[in-house]
Protein backbone atom coordinates (compact mmCIF):
# COMPACT_ATOMS: atom_id res chain seq x y z
CA UNK A 1 1.18 -139.53 -9.41
CA UNK A 2 3.18 -137.41 -11.61
CA UNK A 3 1.84 -133.78 -12.58
CA UNK A 4 2.08 -132.56 -16.04
CA UNK A 5 4.85 -130.22 -16.58
CA UNK A 6 6.42 -127.46 -19.10
CA UNK A 7 9.85 -126.62 -18.21
CA UNK A 8 11.41 -123.63 -19.33
CA UNK A 9 14.88 -122.49 -18.45
CA UNK A 10 16.24 -119.44 -20.88
CA UNK A 11 18.79 -117.67 -19.00
CA UNK A 12 22.16 -118.41 -20.33
CA UNK A 13 24.76 -119.14 -17.23
CA UNK A 14 28.26 -117.51 -17.90
CA UNK A 15 30.01 -119.26 -14.57
CA UNK A 16 33.62 -119.25 -13.31
CA UNK A 17 36.50 -116.79 -12.42
CA UNK A 18 36.66 -115.34 -15.53
CA UNK A 19 32.99 -114.85 -16.33
CA UNK A 20 33.19 -111.07 -15.36
CA UNK A 21 35.21 -110.56 -18.73
CA UNK A 22 32.08 -111.26 -20.86
CA UNK A 23 29.62 -108.55 -19.29
CA UNK A 24 29.96 -106.14 -22.01
CA UNK A 25 29.96 -108.62 -24.68
CA UNK A 26 26.93 -110.45 -23.57
CA UNK A 27 24.81 -106.69 -22.69
CA UNK A 28 25.95 -106.19 -26.52
CA UNK A 29 24.41 -109.36 -27.61
CA UNK A 30 21.17 -108.88 -25.91
CA UNK A 31 20.27 -105.80 -27.74
CA UNK A 32 22.00 -103.82 -25.07
CA UNK A 33 22.90 -99.85 -25.98
CA UNK A 34 21.34 -97.88 -23.02
CA UNK A 35 21.43 -99.47 -20.02
CA UNK A 36 20.68 -99.18 -16.15
CA UNK A 37 23.34 -100.72 -14.06
CA UNK A 38 21.24 -101.35 -11.08
CA UNK A 39 22.69 -102.29 -7.68
CA UNK A 40 22.51 -102.16 -3.77
CA UNK A 41 24.67 -100.68 -1.14
CA UNK A 42 28.56 -99.45 -0.90
CA UNK A 43 29.58 -103.44 -0.91
CA UNK A 44 29.65 -103.47 -5.12
CA UNK A 45 31.59 -100.02 -4.87
CA UNK A 46 33.65 -101.13 -2.28
CA UNK A 47 34.59 -104.53 -3.74
CA UNK A 48 35.68 -103.19 -7.32
CA UNK A 49 33.22 -105.15 -9.24
CA UNK A 50 31.34 -101.32 -10.39
CA UNK A 51 34.50 -100.71 -11.59
CA UNK A 52 34.57 -103.96 -13.71
CA UNK A 53 31.46 -103.32 -14.78
CA UNK A 54 31.83 -99.90 -15.69
CA UNK A 55 35.35 -101.03 -17.92
CA UNK A 56 33.20 -103.92 -19.69
CA UNK A 57 30.62 -101.68 -20.85
CA UNK A 58 32.58 -98.70 -21.97
CA UNK A 59 34.95 -100.98 -23.65
CA UNK A 60 31.89 -102.12 -25.61
CA UNK A 61 30.72 -98.64 -26.44
CA UNK A 62 27.64 -98.93 -24.19
CA UNK A 63 26.30 -96.23 -22.96
CA UNK A 64 25.30 -96.66 -19.42
CA UNK A 65 23.51 -94.89 -16.24
CA UNK A 66 23.53 -96.14 -12.66
CA UNK A 67 20.87 -96.65 -9.48
CA UNK A 68 22.04 -98.11 -6.41
CA UNK A 69 19.98 -98.11 -2.84
CA UNK A 70 18.65 -100.97 -3.16
CA UNK A 71 17.83 -102.68 0.26
CA UNK A 72 16.62 -106.04 1.27
CA UNK A 73 12.91 -106.72 0.45
CA UNK A 74 13.32 -104.37 -1.82
CA UNK A 75 11.19 -101.09 -1.98
CA UNK A 76 8.34 -100.01 -4.45
CA UNK A 77 9.91 -96.19 -4.13
CA UNK A 78 13.19 -97.53 -5.49
CA UNK A 79 11.09 -99.08 -8.11
CA UNK A 80 9.41 -95.73 -9.21
CA UNK A 81 12.45 -94.34 -8.63
CA UNK A 82 14.14 -96.51 -11.78
CA UNK A 83 11.04 -96.52 -14.34
CA UNK A 84 11.25 -92.49 -14.19
CA UNK A 85 15.00 -92.76 -15.06
CA UNK A 86 14.85 -95.55 -17.63
CA UNK A 87 11.92 -93.83 -19.21
CA UNK A 88 14.35 -90.37 -19.19
CA UNK A 89 17.23 -91.86 -20.62
CA UNK A 90 15.81 -94.17 -22.78
CA UNK A 91 17.02 -97.14 -21.27
CA UNK A 92 17.19 -100.52 -23.64
CA UNK A 93 18.42 -103.08 -20.99
CA UNK A 94 18.79 -103.31 -17.47
CA UNK A 95 21.79 -104.81 -15.68
CA UNK A 96 21.44 -106.33 -12.08
CA UNK A 97 24.66 -106.35 -9.85
CA UNK A 98 23.89 -107.77 -6.76
CA UNK A 99 21.63 -110.63 -5.11
CA UNK A 100 17.51 -111.53 -5.26
CA UNK A 101 16.87 -107.75 -4.13
CA UNK A 102 18.37 -106.15 -7.14
CA UNK A 103 17.07 -108.71 -9.71
CA UNK A 104 13.49 -108.39 -8.35
CA UNK A 105 13.67 -104.45 -8.20
CA UNK A 106 15.13 -104.92 -11.83
CA UNK A 107 12.60 -107.03 -12.91
CA UNK A 108 9.68 -104.46 -11.13
CA UNK A 109 11.41 -101.50 -13.20
CA UNK A 110 11.39 -104.15 -16.15
CA UNK A 111 7.73 -104.03 -15.82
CA UNK A 112 7.01 -100.64 -15.11
CA UNK A 113 8.96 -99.04 -17.75
CA UNK A 114 5.96 -99.60 -20.87
CA UNK A 115 3.08 -100.06 -18.62
CA UNK A 116 0.96 -96.73 -18.46
CA UNK A 117 -0.98 -97.29 -15.04
CA UNK A 118 0.82 -97.75 -11.49
CA UNK A 119 3.36 -101.17 -11.92
CA UNK A 120 2.31 -102.13 -8.52
CA UNK A 121 -1.32 -102.83 -9.97
CA UNK A 122 0.87 -106.49 -11.11
CA UNK A 123 1.71 -107.05 -7.37
CA UNK A 124 -2.23 -106.24 -6.26
CA UNK A 125 -3.46 -108.53 -8.90
CA UNK A 126 -5.13 -105.64 -10.96
CA UNK A 127 -3.80 -106.47 -13.78
CA UNK A 128 -0.53 -108.73 -15.74
CA UNK A 129 2.89 -107.77 -17.19
CA UNK A 130 2.93 -107.43 -21.03
CA UNK A 131 6.30 -106.40 -21.45
CA UNK A 132 9.50 -106.34 -19.58
CA UNK A 133 12.73 -104.80 -20.57
CA UNK A 134 15.55 -107.54 -21.04
CA UNK A 135 17.45 -107.83 -18.34
CA UNK A 136 20.95 -109.76 -17.07
CA UNK A 137 22.53 -109.99 -13.83
CA UNK A 138 26.26 -109.96 -12.29
CA UNK A 139 25.18 -112.67 -9.24
CA UNK A 140 26.90 -111.53 -6.02
CA UNK A 141 24.62 -113.04 -3.36
CA UNK A 142 23.68 -116.85 -3.82
CA UNK A 143 20.24 -117.09 -2.30
CA UNK A 144 17.14 -115.90 -4.09
CA UNK A 145 17.43 -117.74 -7.45
CA UNK A 146 16.17 -114.91 -8.79
CA UNK A 147 18.90 -114.85 -11.54
CA UNK A 148 16.95 -117.99 -13.34
CA UNK A 149 13.36 -117.42 -11.71
CA UNK A 150 10.36 -116.08 -13.26
CA UNK A 151 9.49 -114.35 -9.62
CA UNK A 152 9.77 -110.84 -8.46
CA UNK A 153 9.19 -110.14 -5.06
CA UNK A 154 8.54 -106.53 -4.01
CA UNK A 155 7.64 -104.69 -0.81
CA UNK A 156 5.33 -101.55 -1.07
CA UNK A 157 6.53 -98.84 1.50
CA UNK A 158 3.31 -97.61 2.85
CA UNK A 159 1.62 -100.51 4.95
CA UNK A 160 4.70 -102.90 4.26
CA UNK A 161 2.83 -104.89 1.85
CA UNK A 162 4.88 -107.89 0.83
CA UNK A 163 4.25 -109.28 -2.31
CA UNK A 164 5.49 -111.75 -5.35
CA UNK A 165 4.38 -112.05 -8.94
CA UNK A 166 5.47 -114.77 -11.50
CA UNK A 167 5.84 -114.24 -15.17
CA UNK A 168 8.22 -115.77 -17.83
CA UNK A 169 8.52 -111.93 -19.26
CA UNK A 170 11.31 -111.53 -16.77
CA UNK A 171 13.52 -114.28 -16.83
CA UNK A 172 17.07 -112.94 -17.09
CA UNK A 173 18.92 -113.15 -20.40
CA UNK A 174 22.08 -114.28 -18.67
CA UNK A 175 23.56 -114.37 -15.54
CA UNK A 176 27.53 -114.08 -14.91
CA UNK A 177 28.39 -115.74 -12.01
CA UNK A 178 31.59 -115.74 -10.46
CA UNK A 179 31.81 -117.66 -6.73
CA UNK A 180 34.83 -115.68 -5.65
CA UNK A 181 32.41 -112.40 -5.72
CA UNK A 182 30.99 -114.46 -2.41
CA UNK A 183 34.10 -114.59 -0.54
CA UNK A 184 33.53 -111.37 1.54
CA UNK A 185 30.19 -112.12 2.61
CA UNK A 186 29.44 -112.23 6.27
CA UNK A 187 28.63 -115.74 7.84
CA UNK A 188 24.91 -114.46 8.49
CA UNK A 189 24.33 -113.60 5.30
CA UNK A 190 25.91 -117.02 4.33
CA UNK A 191 23.69 -119.16 6.21
CA UNK A 192 20.68 -117.61 5.56
CA UNK A 193 21.29 -117.35 1.76
CA UNK A 194 22.10 -121.19 1.70
CA UNK A 195 18.74 -121.64 3.97
CA UNK A 196 16.86 -119.91 1.36
CA UNK A 197 18.66 -122.11 -1.79
CA UNK A 198 17.37 -125.24 0.17
CA UNK A 199 13.94 -124.11 1.16
CA UNK A 200 13.74 -123.06 -2.70
CA UNK A 201 13.85 -126.62 -2.95
CA UNK A 202 12.16 -128.01 0.35
CA UNK A 203 8.67 -126.11 -1.40
CA UNK A 204 8.73 -128.29 -4.03
CA UNK A 205 10.03 -131.72 -2.64
CA UNK A 206 7.36 -131.18 -0.26
CA UNK A 207 4.34 -131.75 -2.49
CA UNK A 208 0.93 -134.67 -3.04
CA UNK A 209 2.80 -135.76 -6.05
CA UNK A 210 5.29 -137.89 -5.16
CA UNK A 211 6.23 -140.50 -8.17
CA UNK A 212 8.80 -138.35 -10.01
CA UNK A 213 11.78 -140.36 -8.74
CA UNK A 214 14.12 -138.44 -10.53
CA UNK A 215 13.15 -135.02 -9.42
CA UNK A 216 13.19 -136.46 -5.88
CA UNK A 217 16.71 -137.81 -6.34
CA UNK A 218 18.09 -134.52 -7.91
CA UNK A 219 16.37 -132.58 -5.33
CA UNK A 220 17.91 -134.74 -2.33
CA UNK A 221 21.09 -133.89 -4.03
CA UNK A 222 20.93 -130.24 -4.16
CA UNK A 223 19.78 -130.23 -0.70
CA UNK A 224 22.75 -132.58 1.15
CA UNK A 225 25.34 -130.81 -1.33
CA UNK A 226 24.04 -127.36 -0.09
CA UNK A 227 23.90 -128.55 3.58
CA UNK A 228 27.74 -129.86 3.74
CA UNK A 229 28.55 -126.90 1.67
CA UNK A 230 27.53 -123.97 3.66
CA UNK A 231 29.41 -126.19 7.07
CA UNK A 232 32.48 -125.95 5.46
CA UNK A 233 32.33 -122.70 3.89
CA UNK A 234 31.42 -121.00 7.09
CA UNK A 235 35.06 -122.45 8.61
CA UNK A 236 36.75 -121.55 5.08
CA UNK A 237 34.93 -118.29 3.57
CA UNK A 238 37.54 -118.45 0.19
CA UNK A 239 36.86 -121.74 -0.45
CA UNK A 240 36.38 -121.94 -4.19
CA UNK A 241 34.67 -125.00 -4.57
CA UNK A 242 32.11 -124.98 -1.89
CA UNK A 243 31.43 -121.75 -2.96
CA UNK A 244 30.61 -122.70 -6.05
CA UNK A 245 28.60 -125.81 -5.58
CA UNK A 246 26.40 -123.39 -3.27
CA UNK A 247 26.17 -120.60 -6.27
CA UNK A 248 25.00 -122.91 -8.82
CA UNK A 249 22.97 -124.87 -6.20
CA UNK A 250 20.78 -121.39 -5.71
CA UNK A 251 20.22 -120.82 -9.54
CA UNK A 252 18.84 -124.89 -9.44
CA UNK A 253 16.89 -124.46 -6.83
CA UNK A 254 14.65 -121.76 -7.90
CA UNK A 255 14.78 -122.24 -12.16
CA UNK A 256 11.95 -124.70 -11.51
CA UNK A 257 14.20 -127.77 -12.33
CA UNK A 258 13.18 -129.57 -8.73
CA UNK A 259 9.31 -128.84 -9.63
CA UNK A 260 8.98 -131.16 -12.74
CA UNK A 261 6.08 -133.57 -11.87
CA UNK A 262 5.53 -132.16 -8.78
CA UNK A 263 3.88 -129.33 -7.20
CA UNK A 264 5.05 -125.98 -5.22
CA UNK A 265 3.87 -125.37 -2.11
CA UNK A 266 5.23 -122.09 -0.74
CA UNK A 267 3.38 -121.46 2.65
CA UNK A 268 6.06 -121.19 4.21
CA UNK A 269 7.41 -118.55 1.77
CA UNK A 270 4.02 -116.47 2.47
CA UNK A 271 4.03 -116.72 5.98
CA UNK A 272 7.25 -115.43 6.34
CA UNK A 273 7.09 -112.80 3.42
CA UNK A 274 4.94 -110.87 6.39
CA UNK A 275 7.68 -111.45 9.14
CA UNK A 276 10.10 -109.70 6.56
CA UNK A 277 7.96 -106.99 6.04
CA UNK A 278 6.80 -106.68 9.58
CA UNK A 279 10.27 -106.32 11.21
CA UNK A 280 12.75 -106.28 8.76
CA UNK A 281 14.43 -109.54 8.82
CA UNK A 282 16.61 -111.43 6.43
CA UNK A 283 14.37 -113.43 4.37
CA UNK A 284 16.21 -116.78 5.09
CA UNK A 285 16.52 -116.36 8.64
CA UNK A 286 12.64 -116.22 8.55
CA UNK A 287 11.92 -119.20 6.56
CA UNK A 288 14.33 -121.27 9.22
CA UNK A 289 11.90 -119.17 12.28
CA UNK A 290 8.75 -120.58 10.24
CA UNK A 291 9.71 -124.06 8.79
CA UNK A 292 9.63 -126.61 11.72
CA UNK A 293 6.32 -125.29 12.42
CA UNK A 294 4.41 -125.72 9.48
CA UNK A 295 6.24 -129.07 9.33
CA UNK A 296 4.88 -130.10 12.36
CA UNK A 297 1.39 -128.66 11.80
CA UNK A 298 1.13 -130.96 8.77
CA UNK A 299 3.59 -133.85 9.03
CA UNK A 300 1.20 -136.35 10.22
CA UNK A 301 -0.73 -136.19 7.45
CA UNK A 302 1.92 -136.65 4.74
CA UNK A 303 4.16 -139.04 6.99
CA UNK A 304 5.65 -140.89 3.82
CA UNK A 305 7.06 -138.07 2.61
CA UNK A 306 8.73 -136.73 5.94
CA UNK A 307 10.22 -140.03 6.66
CA UNK A 308 12.01 -139.96 2.82
CA UNK A 309 13.03 -136.43 3.98
CA UNK A 310 14.24 -137.32 6.77
CA UNK A 311 16.33 -140.39 5.80
CA UNK A 312 17.37 -139.46 2.53
CA UNK A 313 18.10 -135.64 2.92
CA UNK A 314 18.65 -135.29 6.87
CA UNK A 315 20.53 -139.10 7.43
CA UNK A 316 18.54 -139.92 10.25
CA UNK A 317 18.20 -143.67 10.49
CA UNK A 318 14.82 -145.06 9.65
CA UNK A 319 13.05 -146.37 12.46
CA UNK A 320 10.04 -148.69 10.16
CA UNK A 321 7.93 -149.49 12.95
CA UNK A 322 7.53 -145.68 14.34
CA UNK A 323 7.30 -143.57 10.95
CA UNK A 324 6.01 -140.50 13.02
CA UNK A 325 9.04 -140.77 15.47
CA UNK A 326 11.33 -140.67 11.95
CA UNK A 327 9.47 -138.03 10.72
CA UNK A 328 9.76 -135.88 13.88
CA UNK A 329 13.77 -136.55 14.35
CA UNK A 330 13.96 -135.66 11.06
CA UNK A 331 12.68 -131.72 11.55
CA UNK A 332 14.68 -132.01 14.79
CA UNK A 333 18.01 -132.65 12.41
CA UNK A 334 16.83 -129.73 10.06
CA UNK A 335 16.83 -127.62 13.65
CA UNK A 336 19.92 -128.74 15.03
CA UNK A 337 21.19 -127.96 11.62
CA UNK A 338 19.84 -124.38 11.84
CA UNK A 339 21.68 -123.76 15.18
CA UNK A 340 24.59 -125.11 14.08
CA UNK A 341 24.50 -122.42 11.24
CA UNK A 342 23.49 -119.58 13.46
CA UNK A 343 19.93 -119.65 11.61
CA UNK A 344 17.07 -118.92 14.31
CA UNK A 345 14.22 -121.73 14.74
CA UNK A 346 11.48 -119.69 16.15
CA UNK A 347 10.31 -116.20 15.69
CA UNK A 348 11.40 -115.03 19.39
CA UNK A 349 14.78 -115.86 18.36
CA UNK A 350 14.44 -114.04 14.81
CA UNK A 351 13.47 -110.78 16.19
CA UNK A 352 14.88 -110.96 19.95
CA UNK A 353 11.59 -110.82 21.45
CA UNK A 354 8.20 -111.60 21.84
CA UNK A 355 5.58 -111.23 18.98
CA UNK A 356 2.51 -109.81 20.34
CA UNK A 357 -0.93 -111.08 19.70
CA UNK A 358 -1.81 -108.02 17.63
CA UNK A 359 1.49 -108.54 15.64
CA UNK A 360 0.42 -112.08 14.91
CA UNK A 361 -3.01 -110.63 13.93
CA UNK A 362 -1.61 -108.03 11.18
CA UNK A 363 0.54 -111.06 9.75
CA UNK A 364 -2.53 -112.99 9.51
CA UNK A 365 -4.53 -110.57 7.55
CA UNK A 366 -1.73 -109.54 5.52
CA UNK A 367 -0.85 -113.13 4.13
CA UNK A 368 -4.84 -113.75 3.86
CA UNK A 369 -5.25 -110.80 2.04
CA UNK A 370 -8.35 -109.93 4.69
CA UNK A 371 -8.95 -113.39 4.75
CA UNK A 372 -10.13 -113.75 1.02
CA UNK A 373 -7.10 -116.20 0.02
CA UNK A 374 -5.75 -119.24 1.12
CA UNK A 375 -1.98 -120.80 0.54
CA UNK A 376 -0.30 -123.70 0.00
CA UNK A 377 -0.58 -126.75 -2.02
CA UNK A 378 0.41 -129.68 0.25
CA UNK A 379 -2.24 -129.11 2.79
CA UNK A 380 -4.26 -125.10 1.57
CA UNK A 381 -4.12 -123.42 4.76
CA UNK A 382 -6.71 -120.61 5.46
CA UNK A 383 -7.06 -117.57 8.27
CA UNK A 384 -7.31 -120.37 10.78
CA UNK A 385 -3.85 -122.31 10.14
CA UNK A 386 -2.13 -119.54 8.95
CA UNK A 387 -2.79 -118.09 12.90
CA UNK A 388 -1.55 -121.50 14.18
CA UNK A 389 1.43 -122.09 12.43
CA UNK A 390 2.33 -118.55 13.78
CA UNK A 391 1.51 -119.52 16.91
CA UNK A 392 3.56 -122.60 16.85
CA UNK A 393 6.64 -120.72 15.84
CA UNK A 394 6.22 -118.27 18.81
């Protein structure tokens, strides 16, 4: 069975070593006159990238204002700060300089500028966005894929509630992508980013819709490419060719291309959001800690899919007489891959200590919104199933 789909990917990608020389031209082309330059910590400043952005905007005679300080798992308080600044300065365009956290924060600011209520209403499910300031990206961290996606994930400071929403209104007008900017990423961040990229495709690959073989082939090629490339990059951080593969894969993994004809599950993402909200861990590492337990929880009812993944992606030899063993070896191969690149395979390895029953209860309650919602599509998970997967991942 093939699911009907509507593929929409409007973001213009300017990719390569000279891509940053197009920033001013691109902002002007997409109507930017008074621009918010939004970024994270000091790395954009130390690397000299912010100076490149400033010069590009100045040379194009574009007025700009700056707001830094975005943290991993971006906070609502910074979004409020950005909305206030944009309104005060009559900003008409947002330029995100960074990775997924900066882009998601920019999207949230873009939603909030023209909204009369509390922008958190959108993540709380009380309202849906009706407008968003145009956004461009200068990408520095390939991982989240937010530069080409319709999603934005924000954490509310009070109660550490982490939620995501999707709307085509926030899709970026352009993304400037220079793989050289990723050379200095720490090994852990590089590995976590690759894990996140792969998971964005795996969350779509593991689907009840299994007949779109072209999408499967694209997904499998992307997964194999990233799996091989990250091993090389960890050994040779300034290898342009492999950095480029990872950077481009990050965009393709989350622009819905690998969802055409299938159905996204994203249960692992939803379960992980509560880990990173509660413990402040790196998102990609959290995904690595959760996925093997989710996979083992559902695999017996979806053996053909897990066998196909094991053989076509992880290179496991197919034992036709024992598909259960082939599927399990595929999951073990993923765990071996995570260990090889320095990722955890359970919660204890992720946070460095045992998780308590009370903490598990908190995560289940938040993930299920007090037992009012389910997650997942390949298999629908309620509070009982969420708890069991968390228990398996301890």
